[in-house]
Amino acid sequence: MTILALEVEPIAVNVTVTDDDLVVNLTDGRCIIVPLAWYPRLLYATPAERQNFQLLGDGYAIEFHDLDEHIGIEGLLAGRRSGESQKSLARWLDERKSK
């Protein structure tokens, strides 16, 4: 088991979502880039849904309102992908089709 020990809590100051990547700039100058494939709800989202987000608290997480997706900055640094099951994702995709 790997344990991530951080000296300072990572705080996001800017978020950009491209067609392929989630890009997060941190207060300490680092930039985290992860593929949208790590977060299938972002991958299947429309460009407008990808842009409808807010930083929570002082920037410890990103909330995508339309997608019911919350991504913690510490998890990004640890390399954690979405933990959503395939069954849950399939149900979510089916609900989107019916709208």
PDB file of N, CA and C in Angstrom:
ATOM      1  N   MET A   1       0.837  -1.168   0.000  1.00  0.00           N
ATOM      2  CA  MET A   1       0.000   0.000   0.000  1.00  0.00           C
ATOM      3  C   MET A   1       0.887   1.239   0.000  1.00  0.00           C
ATOM      4  N   THR A   2       0.546   2.185  -0.865  1.00  0.00           N
ATOM      5  CA  THR A   2       1.283   3.426  -0.948  1.00  0.00           C
ATOM      6  C   THR A   2       0.536   4.510  -0.187  1.00  0.00           C
ATOM      7  N   ILE A   3       1.270   5.294   0.579  1.00  0.00           N
ATOM      8  CA  ILE A   3       0.676   6.396   1.322  1.00  0.00           C
ATOM      9  C   ILE A   3       1.277   7.695   0.799  1.00  0.00           C
ATOM     10  N   LEU A   4       0.401   8.627   0.455  1.00  0.00           N
ATOM     11  CA  LEU A   4       0.838   9.927  -0.017  1.00  0.00           C
ATOM     12  C   LEU A   4       0.901  10.873   1.173  1.00  0.00           C
ATOM     13  N   ALA A   5       2.102  11.348   1.481  1.00  0.00           N
ATOM     14  CA  ALA A   5       2.274  12.300   2.583  1.00  0.00           C
ATOM     15  C   ALA A   5       2.659  13.648   1.993  1.00  0.00           C
ATOM     16  N   LEU A   6       1.796  14.619   2.172  1.00  0.00           N
ATOM     17  CA  LEU A   6       2.039  15.943   1.620  1.00  0.00           C
ATOM     18  C   LEU A   6       2.465  16.900   2.724  1.00  0.00           C
ATOM     19  N   GLU A   7       3.455  17.717   2.427  1.00  0.00           N
ATOM     20  CA  GLU A   7       3.891  18.726   3.387  1.00  0.00           C
ATOM     21  C   GLU A   7       2.958  19.927   3.384  1.00  0.00           C
ATOM     22  N   VAL A   8       2.418  20.225   2.195  1.00  0.00           N
ATOM     23  CA  VAL A   8       1.519  21.356   2.031  1.00  0.00           C
ATOM     24  C   VAL A   8       0.332  20.878   1.201  1.00  0.00           C
ATOM     25  N   GLU A   9      -0.881  21.242   1.616  1.00  0.00           N
ATOM     26  CA  GLU A   9      -2.058  20.848   0.849  1.00  0.00           C
ATOM     27  C   GLU A   9      -2.025  21.503  -0.530  1.00  0.00           C
ATOM     28  N   PRO A  10      -2.184  20.713  -1.593  1.00  0.00           N
ATOM     29  CA  PRO A  10      -2.187  21.289  -2.942  1.00  0.00           C
ATOM     30  C   PRO A  10      -3.473  22.082  -3.176  1.00  0.00           C
ATOM     31  N   ILE A  11      -3.324  23.286  -3.674  1.00  0.00           N
ATOM     32  CA  ILE A  11      -4.456  24.181  -3.893  1.00  0.00           C
ATOM     33  C   ILE A  11      -4.469  24.624  -5.354  1.00  0.00           C
ATOM     34  N   ALA A  12      -5.599  24.418  -6.009  1.00  0.00           N
ATOM     35  CA  ALA A  12      -5.756  24.831  -7.406  1.00  0.00           C
ATOM     36  C   ALA A  12      -6.092  26.317  -7.480  1.00  0.00           C
ATOM     37  N   VAL A  13      -5.520  26.981  -8.473  1.00  0.00           N
ATOM     38  CA  VAL A  13      -5.849  28.388  -8.708  1.00  0.00           C
ATOM     39  C   VAL A  13      -6.475  28.591 -10.081  1.00  0.00           C
ATOM     40  N   ASN A  14      -6.278  27.627 -10.984  1.00  0.00           N
ATOM     41  CA  ASN A  14      -6.833  27.750 -12.323  1.00  0.00           C
ATOM     42  C   ASN A  14      -7.084  26.356 -12.878  1.00  0.00           C
ATOM     43  N   VAL A  15      -8.195  26.213 -13.587  1.00  0.00           N
ATOM     44  CA  VAL A  15      -8.546  24.944 -14.214  1.00  0.00           C
ATOM     45  C   VAL A  15      -8.907  25.214 -15.667  1.00  0.00           C
ATOM     46  N   THR A  16      -8.385  24.380 -16.559  1.00  0.00           N
ATOM     47  CA  THR A  16      -8.723  24.441 -17.973  1.00  0.00           C
ATOM     48  C   THR A  16      -9.075  23.030 -18.414  1.00  0.00           C
ATOM     49  N   VAL A  17     -10.165  22.919 -19.157  1.00  0.00           N
ATOM     50  CA  VAL A  17     -10.549  21.622 -19.705  1.00  0.00           C
ATOM     51  C   VAL A  17     -10.506  21.732 -21.219  1.00  0.00           C
ATOM     52  N   THR A  18      -9.636  20.929 -21.834  1.00  0.00           N
ATOM     53  CA  THR A  18      -9.532  20.901 -23.289  1.00  0.00           C
ATOM     54  C   THR A  18     -10.339  19.710 -23.810  1.00  0.00           C
ATOM     55  N   ASP A  19     -10.266  19.459 -25.093  1.00  0.00           N
ATOM     56  CA  ASP A  19     -10.942  18.297 -25.663  1.00  0.00           C
ATOM     57  C   ASP A  19     -10.354  16.992 -25.150  1.00  0.00           C
ATOM     58  N   ASP A  20      -9.105  17.025 -24.693  1.00  0.00           N
ATOM     59  CA  ASP A  20      -8.410  15.801 -24.304  1.00  0.00           C
ATOM     60  C   ASP A  20      -7.934  15.751 -22.855  1.00  0.00           C
ATOM     61  N   ASP A  21      -7.732  16.908 -22.230  1.00  0.00           N
ATOM     62  CA  ASP A  21      -7.055  16.944 -20.935  1.00  0.00           C
ATOM     63  C   ASP A  21      -7.752  17.839 -19.919  1.00  0.00           C
ATOM     64  N   LEU A  22      -7.503  17.523 -18.660  1.00  0.00           N
ATOM     65  CA  LEU A  22      -7.842  18.389 -17.533  1.00  0.00           C
ATOM     66  C   LEU A  22      -6.522  18.986 -17.064  1.00  0.00           C
ATOM     67  N   VAL A  23      -6.440  20.315 -17.061  1.00  0.00           N
ATOM     68  CA  VAL A  23      -5.211  21.019 -16.711  1.00  0.00           C
ATOM     69  C   VAL A  23      -5.485  21.851 -15.457  1.00  0.00           C
ATOM     70  N   VAL A  24      -4.691  21.608 -14.420  1.00  0.00           N
ATOM     71  CA  VAL A  24      -4.893  22.304 -13.149  1.00  0.00           C
ATOM     72  C   VAL A  24      -3.585  22.966 -12.731  1.00  0.00           C
ATOM     73  N   ASN A  25      -3.642  24.281 -12.529  1.00  0.00           N
ATOM     74  CA  ASN A  25      -2.494  25.032 -12.038  1.00  0.00           C
ATOM     75  C   ASN A  25      -2.617  25.193 -10.531  1.00  0.00           C
ATOM     76  N   LEU A  26      -1.513  24.963  -9.828  1.00  0.00           N
ATOM     77  CA  LEU A  26      -1.497  25.031  -8.369  1.00  0.00           C
ATOM     78  C   LEU A  26      -0.840  26.315  -7.881  1.00  0.00           C
ATOM     79  N   THR A  27      -1.114  26.664  -6.626  1.00  0.00           N
ATOM     80  CA  THR A  27      -0.562  27.885  -6.050  1.00  0.00           C
ATOM     81  C   THR A  27       0.961  27.856  -5.987  1.00  0.00           C
ATOM     82  N   ASP A  28       1.553  26.660  -5.911  1.00  0.00           N
ATOM     83  CA  ASP A  28       3.011  26.570  -5.813  1.00  0.00           C
ATOM     84  C   ASP A  28       3.713  26.578  -7.166  1.00  0.00           C
ATOM     85  N   GLY A  29       2.943  26.793  -8.250  1.00  0.00           N
ATOM     86  CA  GLY A  29       3.540  26.902  -9.581  1.00  0.00           C
ATOM     87  C   GLY A  29       3.489  25.626 -10.407  1.00  0.00           C
ATOM     88  N   ARG A  30       3.140  24.511  -9.785  1.00  0.00           N
ATOM     89  CA  ARG A  30       3.037  23.269 -10.550  1.00  0.00           C
ATOM     90  C   ARG A  30       1.782  23.262 -11.411  1.00  0.00           C
ATOM     91  N   CYS A  31       1.845  22.447 -12.457  1.00  0.00           N
ATOM     92  CA  CYS A  31       0.716  22.258 -13.359  1.00  0.00           C
ATOM     93  C   CYS A  31       0.493  20.754 -13.494  1.00  0.00           C
ATOM     94  N   ILE A  32      -0.722  20.309 -13.231  1.00  0.00           N
ATOM     95  CA  ILE A  32      -1.084  18.901 -13.361  1.00  0.00           C
ATOM     96  C   ILE A  32      -1.918  18.760 -14.630  1.00  0.00           C
ATOM     97  N   ILE A  33      -1.548  17.823 -15.481  1.00  0.00           N
ATOM     98  CA  ILE A  33      -2.313  17.546 -16.695  1.00  0.00           C
ATOM     99  C   ILE A  33      -2.655  16.062 -16.692  1.00  0.00           C
ATOM    100  N   VAL A  34      -3.951  15.754 -16.745  1.00  0.00           N
ATOM    101  CA  VAL A  34      -4.389  14.362 -16.807  1.00  0.00           C
ATOM    102  C   VAL A  34      -5.365  14.213 -17.971  1.00  0.00           C
ATOM    103  N   PRO A  35      -5.377  13.039 -18.591  1.00  0.00           N
ATOM    104  CA  PRO A  35      -6.300  12.828 -19.714  1.00  0.00           C
ATOM    105  C   PRO A  35      -7.747  12.749 -19.232  1.00  0.00           C
ATOM    106  N   LEU A  36      -8.671  13.260 -20.046  1.00  0.00           N
ATOM    107  CA  LEU A  36     -10.080  13.186 -19.692  1.00  0.00           C
ATOM    108  C   LEU A  36     -10.543  11.740 -19.551  1.00  0.00           C
ATOM    109  N   ALA A  37      -9.861  10.822 -20.183  1.00  0.00           N
ATOM    110  CA  ALA A  37     -10.210   9.403 -20.070  1.00  0.00           C
ATOM    111  C   ALA A  37     -10.157   8.931 -18.616  1.00  0.00           C
ATOM    112  N   TRP A  38      -9.409   9.612 -17.767  1.00  0.00           N
ATOM    113  CA  TRP A  38      -9.364   9.271 -16.345  1.00  0.00           C
ATOM    114  C   TRP A  38     -10.705   9.551 -15.674  1.00  0.00           C
ATOM    115  N   TYR A  39     -11.474  10.460 -16.240  1.00  0.00           N
ATOM    116  CA  TYR A  39     -12.761  10.873 -15.683  1.00  0.00           C
ATOM    117  C   TYR A  39     -13.805  10.790 -16.789  1.00  0.00           C
ATOM    118  N   PRO A  40     -14.405   9.601 -16.990  1.00  0.00           N
ATOM    119  CA  PRO A  40     -15.313   9.380 -18.122  1.00  0.00           C
ATOM    120  C   PRO A  40     -16.460  10.382 -18.228  1.00  0.00           C
ATOM    121  N   ARG A  41     -16.954  10.878 -17.099  1.00  0.00           N
ATOM    122  CA  ARG A  41     -18.038  11.866 -17.196  1.00  0.00           C
ATOM    123  C   ARG A  41     -17.549  13.130 -17.902  1.00  0.00           C
ATOM    124  N   LEU A  42     -16.312  13.512 -17.659  1.00  0.00           N
ATOM    125  CA  LEU A  42     -15.748  14.653 -18.387  1.00  0.00           C
ATOM    126  C   LEU A  42     -15.531  14.302 -19.854  1.00  0.00           C
ATOM    127  N   LEU A  43     -15.094  13.090 -20.105  1.00  0.00           N
ATOM    128  CA  LEU A  43     -14.835  12.649 -21.476  1.00  0.00           C
ATOM    129  C   LEU A  43     -16.107  12.710 -22.316  1.00  0.00           C
ATOM    130  N   TYR A  44     -17.241  12.294 -21.745  1.00  0.00           N
ATOM    131  CA  TYR A  44     -18.511  12.264 -22.478  1.00  0.00           C
ATOM    132  C   TYR A  44     -19.295  13.570 -22.377  1.00  0.00           C
ATOM    133  N   ALA A  45     -18.803  14.516 -21.653  1.00  0.00           N
ATOM    134  CA  ALA A  45     -19.512  15.785 -21.455  1.00  0.00           C
ATOM    135  C   ALA A  45     -19.425  16.677 -22.688  1.00  0.00           C
ATOM    136  N   THR A  46     -20.375  17.585 -22.772  1.00  0.00           N
ATOM    137  CA  THR A  46     -20.315  18.606 -23.813  1.00  0.00           C
ATOM    138  C   THR A  46     -19.291  19.659 -23.388  1.00  0.00           C
ATOM    139  N   PRO A  47     -18.810  20.459 -24.345  1.00  0.00           N
ATOM    140  CA  PRO A  47     -17.892  21.540 -23.968  1.00  0.00           C
ATOM    141  C   PRO A  47     -18.495  22.479 -22.919  1.00  0.00           C
ATOM    142  N   ALA A  48     -19.782  22.769 -23.029  1.00  0.00           N
ATOM    143  CA  ALA A  48     -20.423  23.659 -22.048  1.00  0.00           C
ATOM    144  C   ALA A  48     -20.440  23.022 -20.657  1.00  0.00           C
ATOM    145  N   GLU A  49     -20.720  21.723 -20.585  1.00  0.00           N
ATOM    146  CA  GLU A  49     -20.730  21.042 -19.289  1.00  0.00           C
ATOM    147  C   GLU A  49     -19.332  21.014 -18.675  1.00  0.00           C
ATOM    148  N   ARG A  50     -18.320  20.872 -19.506  1.00  0.00           N
ATOM    149  CA  ARG A  50     -16.939  20.850 -19.007  1.00  0.00           C
ATOM    150  C   ARG A  50     -16.526  22.201 -18.438  1.00  0.00           C
ATOM    151  N   GLN A  51     -17.147  23.263 -18.918  1.00  0.00           N
ATOM    152  CA  GLN A  51     -16.779  24.607 -18.457  1.00  0.00           C
ATOM    153  C   GLN A  51     -17.590  25.054 -17.248  1.00  0.00           C
ATOM    154  N   ASN A  52     -18.617  24.296 -16.888  1.00  0.00           N
ATOM    155  CA  ASN A  52     -19.463  24.659 -15.752  1.00  0.00           C
ATOM    156  C   ASN A  52     -18.919  23.989 -14.491  1.00  0.00           C
ATOM    157  N   PHE A  53     -17.882  24.590 -13.936  1.00  0.00           N
ATOM    158  CA  PHE A  53     -17.254  24.046 -12.730  1.00  0.00           C
ATOM    159  C   PHE A  53     -16.940  25.178 -11.771  1.00  0.00           C
ATOM    160  N   GLN A  54     -16.637  24.794 -10.554  1.00  0.00           N
ATOM    161  CA  GLN A  54     -16.137  25.769  -9.581  1.00  0.00           C
ATOM    162  C   GLN A  54     -15.106  25.088  -8.703  1.00  0.00           C
ATOM    163  N   LEU A  55     -14.194  25.887  -8.195  1.00  0.00           N
ATOM    164  CA  LEU A  55     -13.236  25.389  -7.207  1.00  0.00           C
ATOM    165  C   LEU A  55     -13.919  25.415  -5.857  1.00  0.00           C
ATOM    166  N   LEU A  56     -13.783  24.330  -5.125  1.00  0.00           N
ATOM    167  CA  LEU A  56     -14.396  24.248  -3.805  1.00  0.00           C
ATOM    168  C   LEU A  56     -13.433  24.750  -2.733  1.00  0.00           C
ATOM    169  N   GLY A  57     -14.007  25.358  -1.710  1.00  0.00           N
ATOM    170  CA  GLY A  57     -13.196  25.882  -0.611  1.00  0.00           C
ATOM    171  C   GLY A  57     -12.150  26.840  -1.124  1.00  0.00           C
ATOM    172  N   ASP A  58     -10.930  26.621  -0.707  1.00  0.00           N
ATOM    173  CA  ASP A  58      -9.840  27.481  -1.172  1.00  0.00           C
ATOM    174  C   ASP A  58      -9.146  26.902  -2.394  1.00  0.00           C
ATOM    175  N   GLY A  59      -9.742  25.876  -3.016  1.00  0.00           N
ATOM    176  CA  GLY A  59      -9.171  25.260  -4.211  1.00  0.00           C
ATOM    177  C   GLY A  59      -8.724  23.831  -3.986  1.00  0.00           C
ATOM    178  N   TYR A  60      -9.300  23.150  -2.984  1.00  0.00           N
ATOM    179  CA  TYR A  60      -8.887  21.784  -2.680  1.00  0.00           C
ATOM    180  C   TYR A  60      -9.533  20.756  -3.615  1.00  0.00           C
ATOM    181  N   ALA A  61     -10.602  21.171  -4.348  1.00  0.00           N
ATOM    182  CA  ALA A  61     -11.287  20.250  -5.260  1.00  0.00           C
ATOM    183  C   ALA A  61     -11.997  21.041  -6.349  1.00  0.00           C
ATOM    184  N   ILE A  62     -12.373  20.315  -7.410  1.00  0.00           N
ATOM    185  CA  ILE A  62     -13.120  20.892  -8.524  1.00  0.00           C
ATOM    186  C   ILE A  62     -14.470  20.196  -8.573  1.00  0.00           C
ATOM    187  N   GLU A  63     -15.529  20.984  -8.670  1.00  0.00           N
ATOM    188  CA  GLU A  63     -16.872  20.430  -8.790  1.00  0.00           C
ATOM    189  C   GLU A  63     -17.431  20.804 -10.159  1.00  0.00           C
ATOM    190  N   PHE A  64     -17.839  19.780 -10.910  1.00  0.00           N
ATOM    191  CA  PHE A  64     -18.490  19.979 -12.205  1.00  0.00           C
ATOM    192  C   PHE A  64     -19.983  19.778 -11.976  1.00  0.00           C
ATOM    193  N   HIS A  65     -20.709  20.887 -11.914  1.00  0.00           N
ATOM    194  CA  HIS A  65     -22.119  20.892 -11.517  1.00  0.00           C
ATOM    195  C   HIS A  65     -22.980  19.968 -12.368  1.00  0.00           C
ATOM    196  N   ASP A  66     -22.916  20.117 -13.670  1.00  0.00           N
ATOM    197  CA  ASP A  66     -23.809  19.386 -14.563  1.00  0.00           C
ATOM    198  C   ASP A  66     -23.524  17.894 -14.617  1.00  0.00           C
ATOM    199  N   LEU A  67     -22.346  17.504 -14.181  1.00  0.00           N
ATOM    200  CA  LEU A  67     -21.907  16.119 -14.335  1.00  0.00           C
ATOM    201  C   LEU A  67     -21.909  15.336 -13.031  1.00  0.00           C
ATOM    202  N   ASP A  68     -22.195  16.003 -11.928  1.00  0.00           N
ATOM    203  CA  ASP A  68     -22.110  15.389 -10.595  1.00  0.00           C
ATOM    204  C   ASP A  68     -20.740  14.742 -10.409  1.00  0.00           C
ATOM    205  N   GLU A  69     -19.709  15.493 -10.759  1.00  0.00           N
ATOM    206  CA  GLU A  69     -18.317  15.011 -10.685  1.00  0.00           C
ATOM    207  C   GLU A  69     -17.539  15.944  -9.773  1.00  0.00           C
ATOM    208  N   HIS A  70     -16.856  15.352  -8.802  1.00  0.00           N
ATOM    209  CA  HIS A  70     -16.012  16.097  -7.868  1.00  0.00           C
ATOM    210  C   HIS A  70     -14.624  15.486  -7.928  1.00  0.00           C
ATOM    211  N   ILE A  71     -13.629  16.315  -8.176  1.00  0.00           N
ATOM    212  CA  ILE A  71     -12.253  15.826  -8.326  1.00  0.00           C
ATOM    213  C   ILE A  71     -11.374  16.545  -7.312  1.00  0.00           C
ATOM    214  N   GLY A  72     -10.809  15.789  -6.397  1.00  0.00           N
ATOM    215  CA  GLY A  72      -9.909  16.346  -5.398  1.00  0.00           C
ATOM    216  C   GLY A  72      -8.514  16.558  -5.968  1.00  0.00           C
ATOM    217  N   ILE A  73      -7.917  17.687  -5.639  1.00  0.00           N
ATOM    218  CA  ILE A  73      -6.580  18.010  -6.144  1.00  0.00           C
ATOM    219  C   ILE A  73      -5.541  17.040  -5.589  1.00  0.00           C
ATOM    220  N   GLU A  74      -5.677  16.657  -4.339  1.00  0.00           N
ATOM    221  CA  GLU A  74      -4.745  15.698  -3.759  1.00  0.00           C
ATOM    222  C   GLU A  74      -4.806  14.365  -4.518  1.00  0.00           C
ATOM    223  N   GLY A  75      -6.005  13.955  -4.911  1.00  0.00           N
ATOM    224  CA  GLY A  75      -6.166  12.729  -5.689  1.00  0.00           C
ATOM    225  C   GLY A  75      -5.503  12.822  -7.053  1.00  0.00           C
ATOM    226  N   LEU A  76      -5.588  13.997  -7.671  1.00  0.00           N
ATOM    227  CA  LEU A  76      -4.898  14.191  -8.957  1.00  0.00           C
ATOM    228  C   LEU A  76      -3.398  13.984  -8.799  1.00  0.00           C
ATOM    229  N   LEU A  77      -2.849  14.580  -7.742  1.00  0.00           N
ATOM    230  CA  LEU A  77      -1.412  14.429  -7.497  1.00  0.00           C
ATOM    231  C   LEU A  77      -1.025  12.978  -7.220  1.00  0.00           C
ATOM    232  N   ALA A  78      -1.928  12.241  -6.600  1.00  0.00           N
ATOM    233  CA  ALA A  78      -1.659  10.842  -6.275  1.00  0.00           C
ATOM    234  C   ALA A  78      -1.883   9.918  -7.473  1.00  0.00           C
ATOM    235  N   GLY A  79      -2.408  10.485  -8.571  1.00  0.00           N
ATOM    236  CA  GLY A  79      -2.649   9.672  -9.760  1.00  0.00           C
ATOM    237  C   GLY A  79      -3.922   8.850  -9.692  1.00  0.00           C
ATOM    238  N   ARG A  80      -4.879   9.297  -8.873  1.00  0.00           N
ATOM    239  CA  ARG A  80      -6.141   8.563  -8.748  1.00  0.00           C
ATOM    240  C   ARG A  80      -7.092   8.925  -9.875  1.00  0.00           C
ATOM    241  N   ARG A  81      -7.561   7.901 -10.552  1.00  0.00           N
ATOM    242  CA  ARG A  81      -8.574   8.085 -11.593  1.00  0.00           C
ATOM    243  C   ARG A  81      -9.954   8.013 -10.957  1.00  0.00           C
ATOM    244  N   SER A  82     -10.965   8.250 -11.770  1.00  0.00           N
ATOM    245  CA  SER A  82     -12.334   8.113 -11.294  1.00  0.00           C
ATOM    246  C   SER A  82     -12.548   6.706 -10.752  1.00  0.00           C
ATOM    247  N   GLY A  83     -13.245   6.610  -9.649  1.00  0.00           N
ATOM    248  CA  GLY A  83     -13.543   5.314  -9.066  1.00  0.00           C
ATOM    249  C   GLY A  83     -14.927   4.819  -9.448  1.00  0.00           C
ATOM    250  N   GLU A  84     -15.575   5.497 -10.380  1.00  0.00           N
ATOM    251  CA  GLU A  84     -16.933   5.115 -10.772  1.00  0.00           C
ATOM    252  C   GLU A  84     -16.934   3.761 -11.477  1.00  0.00           C
ATOM    253  N   SER A  85     -17.877   2.925 -11.128  1.00  0.00           N
ATOM    254  CA  SER A  85     -17.979   1.605 -11.750  1.00  0.00           C
ATOM    255  C   SER A  85     -18.513   1.725 -13.177  1.00  0.00           C
ATOM    256  N   GLN A  86     -18.251   0.724 -13.977  1.00  0.00           N
ATOM    257  CA  GLN A  86     -18.761   0.696 -15.349  1.00  0.00           C
ATOM    258  C   GLN A  86     -20.286   0.682 -15.353  1.00  0.00           C
ATOM    259  N   LYS A  87     -20.878  -0.004 -14.392  1.00  0.00           N
ATOM    260  CA  LYS A  87     -22.335  -0.068 -14.293  1.00  0.00           C
ATOM    261  C   LYS A  87     -22.922   1.313 -14.023  1.00  0.00           C
ATOM    262  N   SER A  88     -22.324   2.037 -13.094  1.00  0.00           N
ATOM    263  CA  SER A  88     -22.789   3.384 -12.768  1.00  0.00           C
ATOM    264  C   SER A  88     -22.623   4.319 -13.965  1.00  0.00           C
ATOM    265  N   LEU A  89     -21.492   4.232 -14.638  1.00  0.00           N
ATOM    266  CA  LEU A  89     -21.256   5.080 -15.809  1.00  0.00           C
ATOM    267  C   LEU A  89     -22.263   4.767 -16.904  1.00  0.00           C
ATOM    268  N   ALA A  90     -22.539   3.490 -17.143  1.00  0.00           N
ATOM    269  CA  ALA A  90     -23.507   3.095 -18.177  1.00  0.00           C
ATOM    270  C   ALA A  90     -24.894   3.647 -17.853  1.00  0.00           C
ATOM    271  N   ARG A  91     -25.277   3.590 -16.582  1.00  0.00           N
ATOM    272  CA  ARG A  91     -26.572   4.131 -16.155  1.00  0.00           C
ATOM    273  C   ARG A  91     -26.618   5.635 -16.395  1.00  0.00           C
ATOM    274  N   TRP A  92     -25.534   6.339 -16.064  1.00  0.00           N
ATOM    275  CA  TRP A  92     -25.449   7.788 -16.249  1.00  0.00           C
ATOM    276  C   TRP A  92     -25.546   8.135 -17.741  1.00  0.00           C
ATOM    277  N   LEU A  93     -24.844   7.378 -18.581  1.00  0.00           N
ATOM    278  CA  LEU A  93     -24.889   7.615 -20.026  1.00  0.00           C
ATOM    279  C   LEU A  93     -26.285   7.370 -20.574  1.00  0.00           C
ATOM    280  N   ASP A  94     -26.963   6.339 -20.092  1.00  0.00           N
ATOM    281  CA  ASP A  94     -28.340   6.064 -20.526  1.00  0.00           C
ATOM    282  C   ASP A  94     -29.277   7.199 -20.133  1.00  0.00           C
ATOM    283  N   GLU A  95     -29.093   7.733 -18.935  1.00  0.00           N
ATOM    284  CA  GLU A  95     -29.930   8.858 -18.482  1.00  0.00           C
ATOM    285  C   GLU A  95     -29.716  10.077 -19.376  1.00  0.00           C
ATOM    286  N   ARG A  96     -28.490  10.279 -19.813  1.00  0.00           N
ATOM    287  CA  ARG A  96     -28.190  11.422 -20.700  1.00  0.00           C
ATOM    288  C   ARG A  96     -28.892  11.277 -22.041  1.00  0.00           C
ATOM    289  N   LYS A  97     -28.960  10.053 -22.550  1.00  0.00           N
ATOM    290  CA  LYS A  97     -29.612   9.805 -23.841  1.00  0.00           C
ATOM    291  C   LYS A  97     -31.104  10.088 -23.774  1.00  0.00           C
ATOM    292  N   SER A  98     -31.705   9.849 -22.634  1.00  0.00           N
ATOM    293  CA  SER A  98     -33.148  10.025 -22.504  1.00  0.00           C
ATOM    294  C   SER A  98     -33.563  11.472 -22.288  1.00  0.00           C
ATOM    295  N   LYS A  99     -32.609  12.362 -22.110  1.00  0.00           N
ATOM    296  CA  LYS A  99     -32.935  13.789 -21.880  1.00  0.00           C
ATOM    297  C   LYS A  99     -33.122  14.521 -23.177  1.00  0.00           C
TER     298      LYS A  99
END
